[in-house]
N, C-alpha and C. Protein backbone atom coordinates (compact mmCIF):
# COMPACT_ATOMS: atom_id res chain seq x y z
N MET A 1 38.07 -32.51 46.05
CA MET A 1 38.22 -33.48 44.97
C MET A 1 38.42 -32.79 43.63
N GLU A 2 37.64 -31.76 43.39
CA GLU A 2 37.73 -31.08 42.10
C GLU A 2 39.13 -30.48 41.89
N GLN A 3 39.71 -29.93 42.96
CA GLN A 3 41.03 -29.35 42.84
C GLN A 3 42.08 -30.39 42.48
N VAL A 4 41.96 -31.57 43.03
CA VAL A 4 42.91 -32.63 42.73
C VAL A 4 42.83 -32.99 41.26
N ALA A 5 41.63 -33.07 40.72
CA ALA A 5 41.46 -33.38 39.29
C ALA A 5 42.10 -32.29 38.44
N TYR A 6 41.85 -31.04 38.78
CA TYR A 6 42.46 -29.94 38.04
C TYR A 6 43.97 -29.98 38.16
N ASN A 7 44.46 -30.26 39.35
CA ASN A 7 45.88 -30.32 39.58
C ASN A 7 46.53 -31.36 38.67
N ARG A 8 45.91 -32.51 38.52
CA ARG A 8 46.46 -33.55 37.65
C ARG A 8 46.47 -33.10 36.19
N LEU A 9 45.41 -32.45 35.76
CA LEU A 9 45.35 -31.93 34.39
C LEU A 9 46.47 -30.91 34.18
N TYR A 10 46.62 -30.01 35.12
CA TYR A 10 47.63 -28.96 34.99
C TYR A 10 49.05 -29.51 35.07
N ASP A 11 49.25 -30.55 35.87
CA ASP A 11 50.57 -31.14 35.99
C ASP A 11 51.12 -31.62 34.65
N GLU A 12 50.24 -32.07 33.79
CA GLU A 12 50.66 -32.52 32.47
C GLU A 12 51.18 -31.38 31.60
N HIS A 13 50.87 -30.15 31.99
CA HIS A 13 51.25 -28.97 31.20
C HIS A 13 52.06 -27.98 32.04
N GLU A 14 52.75 -28.49 33.02
CA GLU A 14 53.46 -27.64 33.97
C GLU A 14 54.47 -26.71 33.30
N ASP A 15 55.27 -27.21 32.38
CA ASP A 15 56.28 -26.38 31.72
C ASP A 15 55.63 -25.25 30.92
N LEU A 16 54.56 -25.56 30.23
CA LEU A 16 53.84 -24.55 29.47
C LEU A 16 53.26 -23.47 30.39
N ILE A 17 52.63 -23.89 31.47
CA ILE A 17 52.05 -22.95 32.43
C ILE A 17 53.13 -22.05 33.01
N ASN A 18 54.27 -22.64 33.36
CA ASN A 18 55.37 -21.85 33.93
C ASN A 18 55.92 -20.85 32.92
N SER A 19 56.05 -21.26 31.70
CA SER A 19 56.57 -20.37 30.66
C SER A 19 55.65 -19.17 30.47
N VAL A 20 54.37 -19.43 30.37
CA VAL A 20 53.41 -18.34 30.17
C VAL A 20 53.32 -17.47 31.43
N TYR A 21 53.37 -18.08 32.60
CA TYR A 21 53.33 -17.31 33.84
C TYR A 21 54.52 -16.36 33.94
N ARG A 22 55.71 -16.84 33.60
CA ARG A 22 56.90 -15.98 33.66
C ARG A 22 56.78 -14.82 32.67
N ALA A 23 56.30 -15.09 31.46
CA ALA A 23 56.11 -14.04 30.47
C ALA A 23 55.08 -13.02 30.96
N PHE A 24 53.99 -13.52 31.54
CA PHE A 24 52.96 -12.63 32.09
C PHE A 24 53.53 -11.78 33.22
N LYS A 25 54.27 -12.41 34.12
CA LYS A 25 54.84 -11.70 35.27
C LYS A 25 55.80 -10.60 34.82
N ASP A 26 56.62 -10.88 33.81
CA ASP A 26 57.53 -9.86 33.29
C ASP A 26 56.76 -8.67 32.73
N ARG A 27 55.71 -8.95 31.98
CA ARG A 27 54.90 -7.87 31.40
C ARG A 27 54.14 -7.12 32.49
N TYR A 28 53.67 -7.84 33.49
CA TYR A 28 52.95 -7.24 34.61
C TYR A 28 53.84 -6.24 35.35
N GLU A 29 55.08 -6.63 35.59
CA GLU A 29 56.00 -5.78 36.34
C GLU A 29 56.36 -4.52 35.57
N GLU A 30 56.21 -4.53 34.26
CA GLU A 30 56.47 -3.35 33.44
C GLU A 30 55.34 -2.33 33.50
N LEU A 31 54.16 -2.76 33.93
CA LEU A 31 53.01 -1.86 33.99
C LEU A 31 53.14 -0.89 35.15
N PRO A 32 52.77 0.36 34.93
CA PRO A 32 52.71 1.31 36.06
C PRO A 32 51.64 0.85 37.06
N ASP A 33 51.85 1.10 38.33
CA ASP A 33 50.92 0.65 39.37
C ASP A 33 49.48 1.10 39.11
N GLU A 34 49.31 2.31 38.62
CA GLU A 34 47.96 2.84 38.45
C GLU A 34 47.19 2.17 37.31
N THR A 35 47.88 1.41 36.46
CA THR A 35 47.19 0.71 35.36
C THR A 35 46.97 -0.77 35.64
N ARG A 36 47.30 -1.21 36.82
CA ARG A 36 47.16 -2.63 37.17
C ARG A 36 45.75 -2.94 37.67
N THR A 37 44.79 -2.73 36.81
CA THR A 37 43.41 -3.04 37.15
C THR A 37 43.10 -4.49 36.83
N LYS A 38 42.02 -5.00 37.40
CA LYS A 38 41.63 -6.38 37.16
C LYS A 38 41.39 -6.61 35.66
N ARG A 39 40.72 -5.68 35.03
CA ARG A 39 40.43 -5.81 33.60
C ARG A 39 41.72 -5.83 32.78
N ARG A 40 42.63 -4.94 33.11
CA ARG A 40 43.91 -4.85 32.39
C ARG A 40 44.72 -6.14 32.56
N LEU A 41 44.73 -6.69 33.76
CA LEU A 41 45.50 -7.91 34.02
C LEU A 41 44.90 -9.10 33.26
N ARG A 42 43.59 -9.18 33.22
CA ARG A 42 42.96 -10.27 32.47
C ARG A 42 43.27 -10.16 30.98
N ARG A 43 43.24 -8.95 30.46
CA ARG A 43 43.60 -8.76 29.04
C ARG A 43 45.06 -9.12 28.80
N LEU A 44 45.90 -8.75 29.74
CA LEU A 44 47.33 -9.04 29.61
C LEU A 44 47.60 -10.54 29.59
N ILE A 45 46.93 -11.29 30.46
CA ILE A 45 47.16 -12.74 30.46
C ILE A 45 46.62 -13.36 29.18
N LEU A 46 45.48 -12.89 28.68
CA LEU A 46 44.94 -13.43 27.43
C LEU A 46 45.88 -13.15 26.26
N LEU A 47 46.43 -11.95 26.21
CA LEU A 47 47.39 -11.60 25.16
C LEU A 47 48.66 -12.44 25.28
N THR A 48 49.13 -12.62 26.49
CA THR A 48 50.33 -13.42 26.72
C THR A 48 50.10 -14.87 26.29
N ILE A 49 48.95 -15.42 26.63
CA ILE A 49 48.63 -16.79 26.23
C ILE A 49 48.62 -16.90 24.71
N LYS A 50 47.98 -15.95 24.07
CA LYS A 50 47.88 -15.98 22.61
C LYS A 50 49.26 -15.91 21.96
N GLU A 51 50.13 -15.07 22.49
CA GLU A 51 51.47 -14.90 21.92
C GLU A 51 52.39 -16.09 22.20
N GLN A 52 52.20 -16.77 23.31
CA GLN A 52 53.11 -17.83 23.73
C GLN A 52 52.72 -19.22 23.26
N THR A 53 51.52 -19.36 22.67
CA THR A 53 51.05 -20.69 22.28
C THR A 53 50.66 -20.71 20.81
N SER A 54 50.61 -21.92 20.28
CA SER A 54 50.23 -22.06 18.88
C SER A 54 49.02 -22.96 18.68
N SER A 55 48.65 -23.73 19.69
CA SER A 55 47.53 -24.66 19.51
C SER A 55 46.36 -24.29 20.41
N HIS A 56 45.18 -24.66 19.96
CA HIS A 56 43.98 -24.41 20.75
C HIS A 56 43.98 -25.25 22.02
N ALA A 57 44.55 -26.43 21.97
CA ALA A 57 44.60 -27.31 23.14
C ALA A 57 45.43 -26.67 24.26
N GLU A 58 46.57 -26.09 23.89
CA GLU A 58 47.40 -25.40 24.88
C GLU A 58 46.67 -24.21 25.46
N ARG A 59 46.03 -23.44 24.60
CA ARG A 59 45.29 -22.26 25.07
C ARG A 59 44.16 -22.66 26.00
N PHE A 60 43.48 -23.74 25.69
CA PHE A 60 42.38 -24.22 26.51
C PHE A 60 42.85 -24.47 27.94
N VAL A 61 43.94 -25.19 28.07
CA VAL A 61 44.48 -25.50 29.40
C VAL A 61 44.89 -24.23 30.12
N LEU A 62 45.56 -23.34 29.42
CA LEU A 62 46.02 -22.10 30.03
C LEU A 62 44.86 -21.19 30.44
N TYR A 63 43.86 -21.07 29.60
CA TYR A 63 42.69 -20.25 29.95
C TYR A 63 42.06 -20.76 31.24
N HIS A 64 41.92 -22.07 31.35
CA HIS A 64 41.31 -22.64 32.55
C HIS A 64 42.20 -22.46 33.78
N PHE A 65 43.49 -22.67 33.61
CA PHE A 65 44.40 -22.50 34.75
C PHE A 65 44.35 -21.08 35.27
N PHE A 66 44.51 -20.10 34.38
CA PHE A 66 44.56 -18.72 34.84
C PHE A 66 43.18 -18.22 35.29
N SER A 67 42.13 -18.77 34.77
CA SER A 67 40.79 -18.46 35.27
C SER A 67 40.67 -18.94 36.72
N ASP A 68 41.09 -20.16 36.97
CA ASP A 68 41.08 -20.70 38.34
C ASP A 68 41.98 -19.87 39.25
N PHE A 69 43.14 -19.49 38.73
CA PHE A 69 44.10 -18.72 39.52
C PHE A 69 43.51 -17.36 39.92
N PHE A 70 42.96 -16.62 38.95
CA PHE A 70 42.38 -15.31 39.25
C PHE A 70 41.18 -15.43 40.18
N LYS A 71 40.36 -16.45 40.00
CA LYS A 71 39.21 -16.65 40.89
C LYS A 71 39.68 -16.90 42.32
N ALA A 72 40.72 -17.70 42.47
CA ALA A 72 41.24 -17.98 43.81
C ALA A 72 41.82 -16.73 44.45
N VAL A 73 42.50 -15.91 43.66
CA VAL A 73 43.06 -14.66 44.19
C VAL A 73 41.93 -13.73 44.63
N GLU A 74 40.92 -13.56 43.76
CA GLU A 74 39.81 -12.67 44.07
C GLU A 74 39.05 -13.12 45.32
N ALA A 75 38.87 -14.42 45.47
CA ALA A 75 38.12 -14.96 46.60
C ALA A 75 39.00 -15.16 47.83
N ASN A 76 40.29 -14.89 47.68
CA ASN A 76 41.28 -15.12 48.74
C ASN A 76 41.18 -16.56 49.26
N ASP A 77 41.04 -17.49 48.32
CA ASP A 77 40.92 -18.91 48.63
C ASP A 77 42.33 -19.50 48.76
N GLN A 78 42.83 -19.51 49.97
CA GLN A 78 44.21 -19.93 50.22
C GLN A 78 44.44 -21.40 49.87
N GLU A 79 43.44 -22.22 50.07
CA GLU A 79 43.58 -23.65 49.76
C GLU A 79 43.75 -23.86 48.25
N ALA A 80 42.91 -23.19 47.46
CA ALA A 80 43.01 -23.30 46.00
C ALA A 80 44.32 -22.69 45.51
N LEU A 81 44.70 -21.55 46.09
CA LEU A 81 45.96 -20.92 45.69
C LEU A 81 47.16 -21.82 45.98
N ALA A 82 47.12 -22.50 47.10
CA ALA A 82 48.23 -23.40 47.45
C ALA A 82 48.37 -24.50 46.40
N VAL A 83 47.24 -25.05 45.96
CA VAL A 83 47.28 -26.11 44.94
C VAL A 83 47.82 -25.55 43.63
N LEU A 84 47.33 -24.38 43.22
CA LEU A 84 47.76 -23.79 41.95
C LEU A 84 49.21 -23.33 41.99
N LYS A 85 49.65 -22.82 43.14
CA LYS A 85 51.03 -22.35 43.26
C LYS A 85 52.04 -23.49 43.24
N GLN A 86 51.58 -24.70 43.54
CA GLN A 86 52.48 -25.86 43.44
C GLN A 86 52.90 -26.07 41.98
N ILE A 87 52.04 -25.69 41.08
CA ILE A 87 52.31 -25.87 39.65
C ILE A 87 53.24 -24.78 39.13
N ILE A 88 53.05 -23.57 39.64
CA ILE A 88 53.88 -22.45 39.20
C ILE A 88 55.18 -22.45 40.02
N ARG A 89 56.26 -22.66 39.33
CA ARG A 89 57.57 -22.57 39.97
C ARG A 89 58.16 -21.22 39.61
N ASP A 90 58.17 -20.32 40.56
CA ASP A 90 58.71 -18.99 40.29
C ASP A 90 60.22 -19.06 40.43
N GLU A 91 60.92 -19.07 39.29
CA GLU A 91 62.36 -19.32 39.28
C GLU A 91 63.20 -18.06 39.29
N LYS A 92 62.60 -16.91 39.51
CA LYS A 92 63.38 -15.66 39.53
C LYS A 92 63.89 -15.38 40.90
């Protein structure tokens, strides 16, 4: 149930999430493999969110989305990842 509620909240901001995700992914791919630590990736997403948004409301949604996303990845929660990946349209 909780995932469905989050999914609805995120659906309202799908374009914003996709834009920030693509910017994050581009920056991530530029990093050397040996520097792709969990701490570095979290800092990178926070910096990307800050650079790509202008309002606190947008940042709030993005912080929560990517927090949920990283938690699902770390826990290998395939069900949660499936819900979150529906929102991210990887267009490359």
